[in-house]
Amino acid sequence: MNRRSFFQTALTAVGALTVFSALPALAERRRGGGGAAAAPKLVNPSDSTAKAVSYVHDIKNIKDAKLQTDRAGVKFKDQHCDKCIFYVKAQEATVEGKKAAPCQMPFAKDKFVAAQGWCSTWAKK
């Protein structure tokens, strides 16, 4: 076997192994699985990014009077996450005992926000 034949055979074998090792994962994805999907988690209000937007799980926990302002004609007490344009109601679920859904804002990346929550990025739906 010459060098060219050796490398052609080796590269073909590596390519075949790569394809065959990916087949089980592709089949699982096609079936709609993905293994045991991790349960969604709520945003932690103590995270630095959540603190930056004053996120809380319950709007009643906002004590700072400067934050308690009406926006877009909506009273502060009615500015819940579930009434925000960034709240993805179609994916709403019960998470950690609270009604929650994903939020499109970066601070909530891959996590859910409580329906009764609030943050300073709230915008009328």
PDB file of N, CA and C in Angstrom:
ATOM      1  N   MET A   1       0.846  -1.164   0.000  1.00  0.00           N
ATOM      2  CA  MET A   1       0.000   0.000   0.000  1.00  0.00           C
ATOM      3  C   MET A   1       0.900   1.238   0.000  1.00  0.00           C
ATOM      4  N   ASN A   2       0.621   2.173  -0.913  1.00  0.00           N
ATOM      5  CA  ASN A   2       1.427   3.384  -0.948  1.00  0.00           C
ATOM      6  C   ASN A   2       0.809   4.456  -0.039  1.00  0.00           C
ATOM      7  N   ARG A   3       1.510   5.550   0.100  1.00  0.00           N
ATOM      8  CA  ARG A   3       1.094   6.596   1.023  1.00  0.00           C
ATOM      9  C   ARG A   3      -0.267   7.182   0.635  1.00  0.00           C
ATOM     10  N   ARG A   4      -0.491   7.418  -0.643  1.00  0.00           N
ATOM     11  CA  ARG A   4      -1.752   7.992  -1.102  1.00  0.00           C
ATOM     12  C   ARG A   4      -2.921   7.065  -0.760  1.00  0.00           C
ATOM     13  N   SER A   5      -2.795   5.801  -0.996  1.00  0.00           N
ATOM     14  CA  SER A   5      -3.862   4.832  -0.686  1.00  0.00           C
ATOM     15  C   SER A   5      -4.117   4.780   0.816  1.00  0.00           C
ATOM     16  N   PHE A   6      -3.045   4.818   1.605  1.00  0.00           N
ATOM     17  CA  PHE A   6      -3.184   4.791   3.052  1.00  0.00           C
ATOM     18  C   PHE A   6      -4.018   5.973   3.545  1.00  0.00           C
ATOM     19  N   PHE A   7      -3.675   7.200   3.086  1.00  0.00           N
ATOM     20  CA  PHE A   7      -4.409   8.380   3.530  1.00  0.00           C
ATOM     21  C   PHE A   7      -5.857   8.386   3.034  1.00  0.00           C
ATOM     22  N   GLN A   8      -6.091   7.913   1.812  1.00  0.00           N
ATOM     23  CA  GLN A   8      -7.465   7.841   1.312  1.00  0.00           C
ATOM     24  C   GLN A   8      -8.294   6.883   2.166  1.00  0.00           C
ATOM     25  N   THR A   9      -7.724   5.744   2.496  1.00  0.00           N
ATOM     26  CA  THR A   9      -8.429   4.765   3.321  1.00  0.00           C
ATOM     27  C   THR A   9      -8.662   5.319   4.730  1.00  0.00           C
ATOM     28  N   ALA A  10      -7.646   5.952   5.306  1.00  0.00           N
ATOM     29  CA  ALA A  10      -7.760   6.494   6.656  1.00  0.00           C
ATOM     30  C   ALA A  10      -8.819   7.602   6.714  1.00  0.00           C
ATOM     31  N   LEU A  11      -8.822   8.522   5.759  1.00  0.00           N
ATOM     32  CA  LEU A  11      -9.800   9.602   5.749  1.00  0.00           C
ATOM     33  C   LEU A  11     -11.212   9.076   5.522  1.00  0.00           C
ATOM     34  N   THR A  12     -11.356   8.061   4.691  1.00  0.00           N
ATOM     35  CA  THR A  12     -12.669   7.452   4.469  1.00  0.00           C
ATOM     36  C   THR A  12     -13.172   6.811   5.758  1.00  0.00           C
ATOM     37  N   ALA A  13     -12.284   6.130   6.475  1.00  0.00           N
ATOM     38  CA  ALA A  13     -12.668   5.483   7.731  1.00  0.00           C
ATOM     39  C   ALA A  13     -13.068   6.520   8.779  1.00  0.00           C
ATOM     40  N   VAL A  14     -12.310   7.601   8.902  1.00  0.00           N
ATOM     41  CA  VAL A  14     -12.628   8.654   9.862  1.00  0.00           C
ATOM     42  C   VAL A  14     -13.973   9.298   9.514  1.00  0.00           C
ATOM     43  N   GLY A  15     -14.210   9.564   8.258  1.00  0.00           N
ATOM     44  CA  GLY A  15     -15.482  10.145   7.828  1.00  0.00           C
ATOM     45  C   GLY A  15     -16.652   9.224   8.137  1.00  0.00           C
ATOM     46  N   ALA A  16     -16.465   7.932   7.859  1.00  0.00           N
ATOM     47  CA  ALA A  16     -17.530   6.961   8.126  1.00  0.00           C
ATOM     48  C   ALA A  16     -17.818   6.875   9.627  1.00  0.00           C
ATOM     49  N   LEU A  17     -16.776   6.861  10.447  1.00  0.00           N
ATOM     50  CA  LEU A  17     -16.976   6.813  11.898  1.00  0.00           C
ATOM     51  C   LEU A  17     -17.722   8.053  12.395  1.00  0.00           C
ATOM     52  N   THR A  18     -17.396   9.199  11.843  1.00  0.00           N
ATOM     53  CA  THR A  18     -18.065  10.431  12.239  1.00  0.00           C
ATOM     54  C   THR A  18     -19.551  10.372  11.907  1.00  0.00           C
ATOM     55  N   VAL A  19     -19.873   9.939  10.698  1.00  0.00           N
ATOM     56  CA  VAL A  19     -21.272   9.843  10.280  1.00  0.00           C
ATOM     57  C   VAL A  19     -22.015   8.814  11.114  1.00  0.00           C
ATOM     58  N   PHE A  20     -21.447   7.637  11.287  1.00  0.00           N
ATOM     59  CA  PHE A  20     -22.136   6.580  12.024  1.00  0.00           C
ATOM     60  C   PHE A  20     -22.287   6.910  13.516  1.00  0.00           C
ATOM     61  N   SER A  21     -21.354   7.644  14.081  1.00  0.00           N
ATOM     62  CA  SER A  21     -21.497   8.006  15.495  1.00  0.00           C
ATOM     63  C   SER A  21     -22.592   9.055  15.695  1.00  0.00           C
ATOM     64  N   ALA A  22     -22.902   9.838  14.668  1.00  0.00           N
ATOM     65  CA  ALA A  22     -23.941  10.867  14.777  1.00  0.00           C
ATOM     66  C   ALA A  22     -25.338  10.324  14.492  1.00  0.00           C
ATOM     67  N   LEU A  23     -25.457   9.153  13.881  1.00  0.00           N
ATOM     68  CA  LEU A  23     -26.762   8.622  13.503  1.00  0.00           C
ATOM     69  C   LEU A  23     -27.726   8.428  14.666  1.00  0.00           C
ATOM     70  N   PRO A  24     -27.317   7.851  15.813  1.00  0.00           N
ATOM     71  CA  PRO A  24     -28.280   7.698  16.906  1.00  0.00           C
ATOM     72  C   PRO A  24     -28.860   9.034  17.385  1.00  0.00           C
ATOM     73  N   ALA A  25     -28.036  10.057  17.480  1.00  0.00           N
ATOM     74  CA  ALA A  25     -28.512  11.367  17.921  1.00  0.00           C
ATOM     75  C   ALA A  25     -29.465  11.973  16.893  1.00  0.00           C
ATOM     76  N   LEU A  26     -29.172  11.816  15.614  1.00  0.00           N
ATOM     77  CA  LEU A  26     -30.050  12.321  14.571  1.00  0.00           C
ATOM     78  C   LEU A  26     -31.391  11.605  14.583  1.00  0.00           C
ATOM     79  N   ALA A  27     -31.365  10.286  14.788  1.00  0.00           N
ATOM     80  CA  ALA A  27     -32.606   9.514  14.843  1.00  0.00           C
ATOM     81  C   ALA A  27     -33.451   9.951  16.037  1.00  0.00           C
ATOM     82  N   GLU A  28     -32.824  10.189  17.179  1.00  0.00           N
ATOM     83  CA  GLU A  28     -33.550  10.627  18.369  1.00  0.00           C
ATOM     84  C   GLU A  28     -34.173  12.003  18.140  1.00  0.00           C
ATOM     85  N   ARG A  29     -33.445  12.906  17.526  1.00  0.00           N
ATOM     86  CA  ARG A  29     -33.958  14.240  17.248  1.00  0.00           C
ATOM     87  C   ARG A  29     -35.140  14.168  16.278  1.00  0.00           C
ATOM     88  N   ARG A  30     -35.042  13.285  15.287  1.00  0.00           N
ATOM     89  CA  ARG A  30     -36.112  13.135  14.308  1.00  0.00           C
ATOM     90  C   ARG A  30     -37.382  12.603  14.961  1.00  0.00           C
ATOM     91  N   ARG A  31     -37.236  11.729  15.961  1.00  0.00           N
ATOM     92  CA  ARG A  31     -38.387  11.192  16.684  1.00  0.00           C
ATOM     93  C   ARG A  31     -38.997  12.234  17.611  1.00  0.00           C
ATOM     94  N   GLY A  32     -38.323  13.361  17.772  1.00  0.00           N
ATOM     95  CA  GLY A  32     -38.848  14.405  18.643  1.00  0.00           C
ATOM     96  C   GLY A  32     -38.341  14.284  20.062  1.00  0.00           C
ATOM     97  N   GLY A  33     -37.416  13.420  20.254  1.00  0.00           N
ATOM     98  CA  GLY A  33     -36.871  13.217  21.597  1.00  0.00           C
ATOM     99  C   GLY A  33     -35.774  14.191  21.890  1.00  0.00           C
ATOM    100  N   GLY A  34     -34.721  13.690  22.330  1.00  0.00           N
ATOM    101  CA  GLY A  34     -33.604  14.519  22.746  1.00  0.00           C
ATOM    102  C   GLY A  34     -33.181  14.060  24.116  1.00  0.00           C
ATOM    103  N   GLY A  35     -33.613  12.822  24.408  1.00  0.00           N
ATOM    104  CA  GLY A  35     -33.273  12.299  25.717  1.00  0.00           C
ATOM    105  C   GLY A  35     -34.171  12.922  26.756  1.00  0.00           C
ATOM    106  N   ALA A  36     -33.759  12.849  27.975  1.00  0.00           N
ATOM    107  CA  ALA A  36     -34.520  13.437  29.063  1.00  0.00           C
ATOM    108  C   ALA A  36     -34.283  14.931  29.062  1.00  0.00           C
ATOM    109  N   ALA A  37     -35.290  15.668  28.625  1.00  0.00           N
ATOM    110  CA  ALA A  37     -35.151  17.112  28.563  1.00  0.00           C
ATOM    111  C   ALA A  37     -35.070  17.673  29.980  1.00  0.00           C
ATOM    112  N   ALA A  38     -34.182  18.600  30.153  1.00  0.00           N
ATOM    113  CA  ALA A  38     -34.010  19.205  31.473  1.00  0.00           C
ATOM    114  C   ALA A  38     -35.245  20.046  31.794  1.00  0.00           C
ATOM    115  N   ALA A  39     -35.681  19.974  33.027  1.00  0.00           N
ATOM    116  CA  ALA A  39     -36.831  20.756  33.460  1.00  0.00           C
ATOM    117  C   ALA A  39     -36.464  22.238  33.428  1.00  0.00           C
ATOM    118  N   PRO A  40     -37.393  23.068  32.982  1.00  0.00           N
ATOM    119  CA  PRO A  40     -37.087  24.500  32.958  1.00  0.00           C
ATOM    120  C   PRO A  40     -36.879  25.046  34.363  1.00  0.00           C
ATOM    121  N   LYS A  41     -36.072  26.091  34.458  1.00  0.00           N
ATOM    122  CA  LYS A  41     -35.787  26.728  35.744  1.00  0.00           C
ATOM    123  C   LYS A  41     -36.153  28.197  35.652  1.00  0.00           C
ATOM    124  N   LEU A  42     -36.490  28.754  36.798  1.00  0.00           N
ATOM    125  CA  LEU A  42     -36.772  30.183  36.862  1.00  0.00           C
ATOM    126  C   LEU A  42     -35.477  30.985  36.916  1.00  0.00           C
ATOM    127  N   VAL A  43     -35.527  32.191  36.407  1.00  0.00           N
ATOM    128  CA  VAL A  43     -34.401  33.108  36.530  1.00  0.00           C
ATOM    129  C   VAL A  43     -34.172  33.356  38.018  1.00  0.00           C
ATOM    130  N   ASN A  44     -32.926  33.363  38.423  1.00  0.00           N
ATOM    131  CA  ASN A  44     -32.593  33.653  39.818  1.00  0.00           C
ATOM    132  C   ASN A  44     -32.493  35.171  39.983  1.00  0.00           C
ATOM    133  N   PRO A  45     -33.372  35.774  40.794  1.00  0.00           N
ATOM    134  CA  PRO A  45     -33.324  37.230  40.969  1.00  0.00           C
ATOM    135  C   PRO A  45     -31.992  37.734  41.519  1.00  0.00           C
ATOM    136  N   SER A  46     -31.187  36.847  42.095  1.00  0.00           N
ATOM    137  CA  SER A  46     -29.881  37.239  42.640  1.00  0.00           C
ATOM    138  C   SER A  46     -28.787  37.276  41.583  1.00  0.00           C
ATOM    139  N   ASP A  47     -29.045  36.727  40.381  1.00  0.00           N
ATOM    140  CA  ASP A  47     -28.047  36.779  39.319  1.00  0.00           C
ATOM    141  C   ASP A  47     -27.768  38.235  38.952  1.00  0.00           C
ATOM    142  N   SER A  48     -26.542  38.517  38.599  1.00  0.00           N
ATOM    143  CA  SER A  48     -26.166  39.909  38.306  1.00  0.00           C
ATOM    144  C   SER A  48     -26.965  40.487  37.145  1.00  0.00           C
ATOM    145  N   THR A  49     -27.242  39.685  36.106  1.00  0.00           N
ATOM    146  CA  THR A  49     -28.004  40.215  34.972  1.00  0.00           C
ATOM    147  C   THR A  49     -29.459  40.466  35.360  1.00  0.00           C
ATOM    148  N   ALA A  50     -30.022  39.624  36.227  1.00  0.00           N
ATOM    149  CA  ALA A  50     -31.391  39.836  36.695  1.00  0.00           C
ATOM    150  C   ALA A  50     -31.453  41.064  37.606  1.00  0.00           C
ATOM    151  N   LYS A  51     -30.441  41.243  38.425  1.00  0.00           N
ATOM    152  CA  LYS A  51     -30.383  42.421  39.297  1.00  0.00           C
ATOM    153  C   LYS A  51     -30.286  43.702  38.476  1.00  0.00           C
ATOM    154  N   ALA A  52     -29.568  43.632  37.363  1.00  0.00           N
ATOM    155  CA  ALA A  52     -29.383  44.816  36.522  1.00  0.00           C
ATOM    156  C   ALA A  52     -30.705  45.350  35.980  1.00  0.00           C
ATOM    157  N   VAL A  53     -31.690  44.462  35.814  1.00  0.00           N
ATOM    158  CA  VAL A  53     -33.006  44.892  35.330  1.00  0.00           C
ATOM    159  C   VAL A  53     -34.056  44.832  36.434  1.00  0.00           C
ATOM    160  N   SER A  54     -33.616  44.686  37.681  1.00  0.00           N
ATOM    161  CA  SER A  54     -34.482  44.661  38.874  1.00  0.00           C
ATOM    162  C   SER A  54     -35.547  43.568  38.813  1.00  0.00           C
ATOM    163  N   TYR A  55     -35.218  42.399  38.248  1.00  0.00           N
ATOM    164  CA  TYR A  55     -36.192  41.308  38.120  1.00  0.00           C
ATOM    165  C   TYR A  55     -36.573  40.738  39.491  1.00  0.00           C
ATOM    166  N   VAL A  56     -37.871  40.496  39.669  1.00  0.00           N
ATOM    167  CA  VAL A  56     -38.396  39.817  40.857  1.00  0.00           C
ATOM    168  C   VAL A  56     -39.458  38.820  40.400  1.00  0.00           C
ATOM    169  N   HIS A  57     -39.654  37.755  41.176  1.00  0.00           N
ATOM    170  CA  HIS A  57     -40.671  36.752  40.842  1.00  0.00           C
ATOM    171  C   HIS A  57     -42.085  37.281  41.097  1.00  0.00           C
ATOM    172  N   ASP A  58     -42.219  38.256  41.986  1.00  0.00           N
ATOM    173  CA  ASP A  58     -43.532  38.814  42.318  1.00  0.00           C
ATOM    174  C   ASP A  58     -43.408  40.333  42.380  1.00  0.00           C
ATOM    175  N   ILE A  59     -44.220  41.012  41.613  1.00  0.00           N
ATOM    176  CA  ILE A  59     -44.155  42.476  41.527  1.00  0.00           C
ATOM    177  C   ILE A  59     -44.318  43.138  42.896  1.00  0.00           C
ATOM    178  N   LYS A  60     -44.974  42.448  43.830  1.00  0.00           N
ATOM    179  CA  LYS A  60     -45.170  42.992  45.175  1.00  0.00           C
ATOM    180  C   LYS A  60     -43.842  43.178  45.911  1.00  0.00           C
ATOM    181  N   ASN A  61     -42.770  42.538  45.418  1.00  0.00           N
ATOM    182  CA  ASN A  61     -41.457  42.650  46.064  1.00  0.00           C
ATOM    183  C   ASN A  61     -40.681  43.888  45.637  1.00  0.00           C
ATOM    184  N   ILE A  62     -41.222  44.676  44.720  1.00  0.00           N
ATOM    185  CA  ILE A  62     -40.560  45.914  44.309  1.00  0.00           C
ATOM    186  C   ILE A  62     -40.894  46.989  45.346  1.00  0.00           C
ATOM    187  N   LYS A  63     -39.895  47.415  46.073  1.00  0.00           N
ATOM    188  CA  LYS A  63     -40.079  48.415  47.136  1.00  0.00           C
ATOM    189  C   LYS A  63     -39.589  49.800  46.720  1.00  0.00           C
ATOM    190  N   ASP A  64     -38.718  49.862  45.714  1.00  0.00           N
ATOM    191  CA  ASP A  64     -38.142  51.127  45.269  1.00  0.00           C
ATOM    192  C   ASP A  64     -39.212  51.968  44.553  1.00  0.00           C
ATOM    193  N   ALA A  65     -39.547  53.105  45.136  1.00  0.00           N
ATOM    194  CA  ALA A  65     -40.594  53.974  44.581  1.00  0.00           C
ATOM    195  C   ALA A  65     -40.241  54.483  43.184  1.00  0.00           C
ATOM    196  N   LYS A  66     -38.952  54.616  42.895  1.00  0.00           N
ATOM    197  CA  LYS A  66     -38.536  55.101  41.576  1.00  0.00           C
ATOM    198  C   LYS A  66     -38.910  54.115  40.474  1.00  0.00           C
ATOM    199  N   LEU A  67     -38.986  52.841  40.804  1.00  0.00           N
ATOM    200  CA  LEU A  67     -39.345  51.824  39.817  1.00  0.00           C
ATOM    201  C   LEU A  67     -40.861  51.688  39.645  1.00  0.00           C
ATOM    202  N   GLN A  68     -41.613  52.124  40.635  1.00  0.00           N
ATOM    203  CA  GLN A  68     -43.066  51.952  40.631  1.00  0.00           C
ATOM    204  C   GLN A  68     -43.763  53.059  39.836  1.00  0.00           C
ATOM    205  N   THR A  69     -43.490  53.080  38.549  1.00  0.00           N
ATOM    206  CA  THR A  69     -44.084  54.099  37.687  1.00  0.00           C
ATOM    207  C   THR A  69     -45.008  53.461  36.670  1.00  0.00           C
ATOM    208  N   ASP A  70     -46.015  54.231  36.252  1.00  0.00           N
ATOM    209  CA  ASP A  70     -46.915  53.774  35.203  1.00  0.00           C
ATOM    210  C   ASP A  70     -46.170  53.856  33.871  1.00  0.00           C
ATOM    211  N   ARG A  71     -46.464  52.902  32.993  1.00  0.00           N
ATOM    212  CA  ARG A  71     -45.813  52.876  31.678  1.00  0.00           C
ATOM    213  C   ARG A  71     -46.860  52.588  30.612  1.00  0.00           C
ATOM    214  N   ALA A  72     -46.785  53.303  29.535  1.00  0.00           N
ATOM    215  CA  ALA A  72     -47.671  53.095  28.389  1.00  0.00           C
ATOM    216  C   ALA A  72     -49.132  53.044  28.821  1.00  0.00           C
ATOM    217  N   GLY A  73     -49.504  53.878  29.792  1.00  0.00           N
ATOM    218  CA  GLY A  73     -50.877  53.924  30.270  1.00  0.00           C
ATOM    219  C   GLY A  73     -51.280  52.758  31.154  1.00  0.00           C
ATOM    220  N   VAL A  74     -50.306  51.963  31.600  1.00  0.00           N
ATOM    221  CA  VAL A  74     -50.585  50.801  32.453  1.00  0.00           C
ATOM    222  C   VAL A  74     -50.085  51.108  33.861  1.00  0.00           C
ATOM    223  N   LYS A  75     -50.964  50.952  34.839  1.00  0.00           N
ATOM    224  CA  LYS A  75     -50.591  51.164  36.244  1.00  0.00           C
ATOM    225  C   LYS A  75     -49.490  50.181  36.625  1.00  0.00           C
ATOM    226  N   PHE A  76     -48.602  50.616  37.508  1.00  0.00           N
ATOM    227  CA  PHE A  76     -47.489  49.765  37.923  1.00  0.00           C
ATOM    228  C   PHE A  76     -47.958  48.411  38.440  1.00  0.00           C
ATOM    229  N   LYS A  77     -48.999  48.395  39.261  1.00  0.00           N
ATOM    230  CA  LYS A  77     -49.465  47.136  39.860  1.00  0.00           C
ATOM    231  C   LYS A  77     -49.963  46.132  38.819  1.00  0.00           C
ATOM    232  N   ASP A  78     -50.230  46.588  37.594  1.00  0.00           N
ATOM    233  CA  ASP A  78     -50.709  45.711  36.517  1.00  0.00           C
ATOM    234  C   ASP A  78     -49.608  45.317  35.531  1.00  0.00           C
ATOM    235  N   GLN A  79     -48.370  45.685  35.804  1.00  0.00           N
ATOM    236  CA  GLN A  79     -47.257  45.397  34.896  1.00  0.00           C
ATOM    237  C   GLN A  79     -46.596  44.058  35.229  1.00  0.00           C
ATOM    238  N   HIS A  80     -47.309  42.986  35.088  1.00  0.00           N
ATOM    239  CA  HIS A  80     -46.758  41.656  35.352  1.00  0.00           C
ATOM    240  C   HIS A  80     -46.083  41.127  34.095  1.00  0.00           C
ATOM    241  N   CYS A  81     -45.178  40.187  34.278  1.00  0.00           N
ATOM    242  CA  CYS A  81     -44.481  39.587  33.134  1.00  0.00           C
ATOM    243  C   CYS A  81     -45.455  39.019  32.104  1.00  0.00           C
ATOM    244  N   ASP A  82     -46.549  38.399  32.574  1.00  0.00           N
ATOM    245  CA  ASP A  82     -47.472  37.785  31.623  1.00  0.00           C
ATOM    246  C   ASP A  82     -48.236  38.811  30.782  1.00  0.00           C
ATOM    247  N   LYS A  83     -48.067  40.099  31.097  1.00  0.00           N
ATOM    248  CA  LYS A  83     -48.685  41.160  30.299  1.00  0.00           C
ATOM    249  C   LYS A  83     -47.624  41.948  29.532  1.00  0.00           C
ATOM    250  N   CYS A  84     -46.441  41.357  29.420  1.00  0.00           N
ATOM    251  CA  CYS A  84     -45.302  42.009  28.755  1.00  0.00           C
ATOM    252  C   CYS A  84     -45.128  41.427  27.350  1.00  0.00           C
ATOM    253  N   ILE A  85     -44.674  42.235  26.436  1.00  0.00           N
ATOM    254  CA  ILE A  85     -44.476  41.809  25.058  1.00  0.00           C
ATOM    255  C   ILE A  85     -43.384  40.727  24.931  1.00  0.00           C
ATOM    256  N   PHE A  86     -42.465  40.670  25.874  1.00  0.00           N
ATOM    257  CA  PHE A  86     -41.354  39.716  25.797  1.00  0.00           C
ATOM    258  C   PHE A  86     -41.680  38.340  26.385  1.00  0.00           C
ATOM    259  N   TYR A  87     -42.816  38.213  27.052  1.00  0.00           N
ATOM    260  CA  TYR A  87     -43.249  36.968  27.701  1.00  0.00           C
ATOM    261  C   TYR A  87     -43.825  36.037  26.640  1.00  0.00           C
ATOM    262  N   VAL A  88     -43.321  34.798  26.559  1.00  0.00           N
ATOM    263  CA  VAL A  88     -43.743  33.838  25.533  1.00  0.00           C
ATOM    264  C   VAL A  88     -44.857  32.955  26.107  1.00  0.00           C
ATOM    265  N   LYS A  89     -46.076  33.468  26.077  1.00  0.00           N
ATOM    266  CA  LYS A  89     -47.227  32.810  26.698  1.00  0.00           C
ATOM    267  C   LYS A  89     -47.486  31.428  26.101  1.00  0.00           C
ATOM    268  N   ALA A  90     -47.174  31.216  24.830  1.00  0.00           N
ATOM    269  CA  ALA A  90     -47.415  29.933  24.173  1.00  0.00           C
ATOM    270  C   ALA A  90     -46.646  28.793  24.835  1.00  0.00           C
ATOM    271  N   GLN A  91     -45.573  29.114  25.564  1.00  0.00           N
ATOM    272  CA  GLN A  91     -44.756  28.090  26.215  1.00  0.00           C
ATOM    273  C   GLN A  91     -44.931  28.103  27.735  1.00  0.00           C
ATOM    274  N   GLU A  92     -46.025  28.679  28.190  1.00  0.00           N
ATOM    275  CA  GLU A  92     -46.277  28.796  29.619  1.00  0.00           C
ATOM    276  C   GLU A  92     -46.390  27.424  30.277  1.00  0.00           C
ATOM    277  N   ALA A  93     -45.835  27.307  31.472  1.00  0.00           N
ATOM    278  CA  ALA A  93     -45.837  26.051  32.232  1.00  0.00           C
ATOM    279  C   ALA A  93     -45.719  26.386  33.715  1.00  0.00           C
ATOM    280  N   THR A  94     -45.886  25.358  34.533  1.00  0.00           N
ATOM    281  CA  THR A  94     -45.650  25.538  35.962  1.00  0.00           C
ATOM    282  C   THR A  94     -44.203  25.165  36.242  1.00  0.00           C
ATOM    283  N   VAL A  95     -43.450  26.112  36.767  1.00  0.00           N
ATOM    284  CA  VAL A  95     -42.031  25.920  37.046  1.00  0.00           C
ATOM    285  C   VAL A  95     -41.792  26.306  38.502  1.00  0.00           C
ATOM    286  N   GLU A  96     -41.246  25.366  39.251  1.00  0.00           N
ATOM    287  CA  GLU A  96     -40.946  25.599  40.660  1.00  0.00           C
ATOM    288  C   GLU A  96     -42.175  26.137  41.409  1.00  0.00           C
ATOM    289  N   GLY A  97     -43.352  25.615  41.046  1.00  0.00           N
ATOM    290  CA  GLY A  97     -44.588  25.989  41.718  1.00  0.00           C
ATOM    291  C   GLY A  97     -45.210  27.295  41.264  1.00  0.00           C
ATOM    292  N   LYS A  98     -44.647  27.929  40.235  1.00  0.00           N
ATOM    293  CA  LYS A  98     -45.175  29.202  39.753  1.00  0.00           C
ATOM    294  C   LYS A  98     -45.535  29.079  38.278  1.00  0.00           C
ATOM    295  N   LYS A  99     -46.586  29.797  37.862  1.00  0.00           N
ATOM    296  CA  LYS A  99     -46.899  29.884  36.442  1.00  0.00           C
ATOM    297  C   LYS A  99     -45.787  30.725  35.822  1.00  0.00           C
ATOM    298  N   ALA A 100     -45.169  30.216  34.763  1.00  0.00           N
ATOM    299  CA  ALA A 100     -44.014  30.901  34.180  1.00  0.00           C
ATOM    300  C   ALA A 100     -43.898  30.577  32.696  1.00  0.00           C
ATOM    301  N   ALA A 101     -43.061  31.341  32.017  1.00  0.00           N
ATOM    302  CA  ALA A 101     -42.799  31.132  30.594  1.00  0.00           C
ATOM    303  C   ALA A 101     -41.444  31.743  30.258  1.00  0.00           C
ATOM    304  N   PRO A 102     -40.900  31.399  29.084  1.00  0.00           N
ATOM    305  CA  PRO A 102     -39.644  32.020  28.666  1.00  0.00           C
ATOM    306  C   PRO A 102     -39.834  33.518  28.420  1.00  0.00           C
ATOM    307  N   CYS A 103     -38.763  34.247  28.581  1.00  0.00           N
ATOM    308  CA  CYS A 103     -38.733  35.680  28.306  1.00  0.00           C
ATOM    309  C   CYS A 103     -37.706  35.900  27.198  1.00  0.00           C
ATOM    310  N   GLN A 104     -38.009  36.802  26.285  1.00  0.00           N
ATOM    311  CA  GLN A 104     -37.110  37.043  25.158  1.00  0.00           C
ATOM    312  C   GLN A 104     -35.952  37.977  25.491  1.00  0.00           C
ATOM    313  N   MET A 105     -35.926  38.518  26.692  1.00  0.00           N
ATOM    314  CA  MET A 105     -34.841  39.416  27.080  1.00  0.00           C
ATOM    315  C   MET A 105     -33.588  38.604  27.424  1.00  0.00           C
ATOM    316  N   PRO A 106     -32.404  39.128  27.128  1.00  0.00           N
ATOM    317  CA  PRO A 106     -31.167  38.377  27.359  1.00  0.00           C
ATOM    318  C   PRO A 106     -30.920  37.949  28.799  1.00  0.00           C
ATOM    319  N   PHE A 107     -31.413  38.682  29.788  1.00  0.00           N
ATOM    320  CA  PHE A 107     -31.156  38.296  31.175  1.00  0.00           C
ATOM    321  C   PHE A 107     -31.805  36.960  31.516  1.00  0.00           C
ATOM    322  N   ALA A 108     -32.818  36.561  30.767  1.00  0.00           N
ATOM    323  CA  ALA A 108     -33.550  35.322  31.045  1.00  0.00           C
ATOM    324  C   ALA A 108     -33.148  34.186  30.114  1.00  0.00           C
ATOM    325  N   LYS A 109     -32.011  34.270  29.516  1.00  0.00           N
ATOM    326  CA  LYS A 109     -31.559  33.269  28.547  1.00  0.00           C
ATOM    327  C   LYS A 109     -31.716  31.845  29.087  1.00  0.00           C
ATOM    328  N   ASP A 110     -32.463  31.028  28.335  1.00  0.00           N
ATOM    329  CA  ASP A 110     -32.680  29.608  28.646  1.00  0.00           C
ATOM    330  C   ASP A 110     -33.395  29.382  29.980  1.00  0.00           C
ATOM    331  N   LYS A 111     -34.039  30.389  30.522  1.00  0.00           N
ATOM    332  CA  LYS A 111     -34.762  30.239  31.785  1.00  0.00           C
ATOM    333  C   LYS A 111     -36.139  30.861  31.643  1.00  0.00           C
ATOM    334  N   PHE A 112     -36.976  30.595  32.621  1.00  0.00           N
ATOM    335  CA  PHE A 112     -38.333  31.117  32.620  1.00  0.00           C
ATOM    336  C   PHE A 112     -38.453  32.258  33.622  1.00  0.00           C
ATOM    337  N   VAL A 113     -39.437  33.128  33.382  1.00  0.00           N
ATOM    338  CA  VAL A 113     -39.760  34.188  34.337  1.00  0.00           C
ATOM    339  C   VAL A 113     -41.165  33.917  34.869  1.00  0.00           C
ATOM    340  N   ALA A 114     -41.404  34.281  36.110  1.00  0.00           N
ATOM    341  CA  ALA A 114     -42.706  34.072  36.734  1.00  0.00           C
ATOM    342  C   ALA A 114     -43.741  34.996  36.102  1.00  0.00           C
ATOM    343  N   ALA A 115     -44.945  34.478  35.895  1.00  0.00           N
ATOM    344  CA  ALA A 115     -46.021  35.268  35.286  1.00  0.00           C
ATOM    345  C   ALA A 115     -46.318  36.519  36.107  1.00  0.00           C
ATOM    346  N   GLN A 116     -46.213  36.433  37.429  1.00  0.00           N
ATOM    347  CA  GLN A 116     -46.481  37.571  38.310  1.00  0.00           C
ATOM    348  C   GLN A 116     -45.220  38.388  38.577  1.00  0.00           C
ATOM    349  N   GLY A 117     -44.138  38.083  37.853  1.00  0.00           N
ATOM    350  CA  GLY A 117     -42.882  38.787  38.034  1.00  0.00           C
ATOM    351  C   GLY A 117     -42.876  40.153  37.368  1.00  0.00           C
ATOM    352  N   TRP A 118     -41.739  40.837  37.474  1.00  0.00           N
ATOM    353  CA  TRP A 118     -41.582  42.159  36.881  1.00  0.00           C
ATOM    354  C   TRP A 118     -40.098  42.451  36.706  1.00  0.00           C
ATOM    355  N   CYS A 119     -39.763  43.243  35.687  1.00  0.00           N
ATOM    356  CA  CYS A 119     -38.404  43.778  35.526  1.00  0.00           C
ATOM    357  C   CYS A 119     -38.501  45.129  34.844  1.00  0.00           C
ATOM    358  N   SER A 120     -37.423  45.861  34.852  1.00  0.00           N
ATOM    359  CA  SER A 120     -37.435  47.218  34.315  1.00  0.00           C
ATOM    360  C   SER A 120     -37.535  47.264  32.794  1.00  0.00           C
ATOM    361  N   THR A 121     -37.446  46.127  32.115  1.00  0.00           N
ATOM    362  CA  THR A 121     -37.594  46.113  30.661  1.00  0.00           C
ATOM    363  C   THR A 121     -39.042  45.858  30.249  1.00  0.00           C
ATOM    364  N   TRP A 122     -39.954  45.839  31.227  1.00  0.00           N
ATOM    365  CA  TRP A 122     -41.368  45.558  30.937  1.00  0.00           C
ATOM    366  C   TRP A 122     -41.883  46.507  29.850  1.00  0.00           C
ATOM    367  N   ALA A 123     -42.592  45.928  28.864  1.00  0.00           N
ATOM    368  CA  ALA A 123     -43.196  46.711  27.790  1.00  0.00           C
ATOM    369  C   ALA A 123     -44.594  46.172  27.509  1.00  0.00           C
ATOM    370  N   LYS A 124     -45.526  47.063  27.320  1.00  0.00           N
ATOM    371  CA  LYS A 124     -46.926  46.692  27.111  1.00  0.00           C
ATOM    372  C   LYS A 124     -47.075  45.787  25.897  1.00  0.00           C
ATOM    373  N   LYS A 125     -47.850  44.719  26.091  1.00  0.00           N
ATOM    374  CA  LYS A 125     -48.129  43.778  24.996  1.00  0.00           C
ATOM    375  C   LYS A 125     -49.115  44.377  24.040  1.00  0.00           C
TER     376      LYS A 125
END
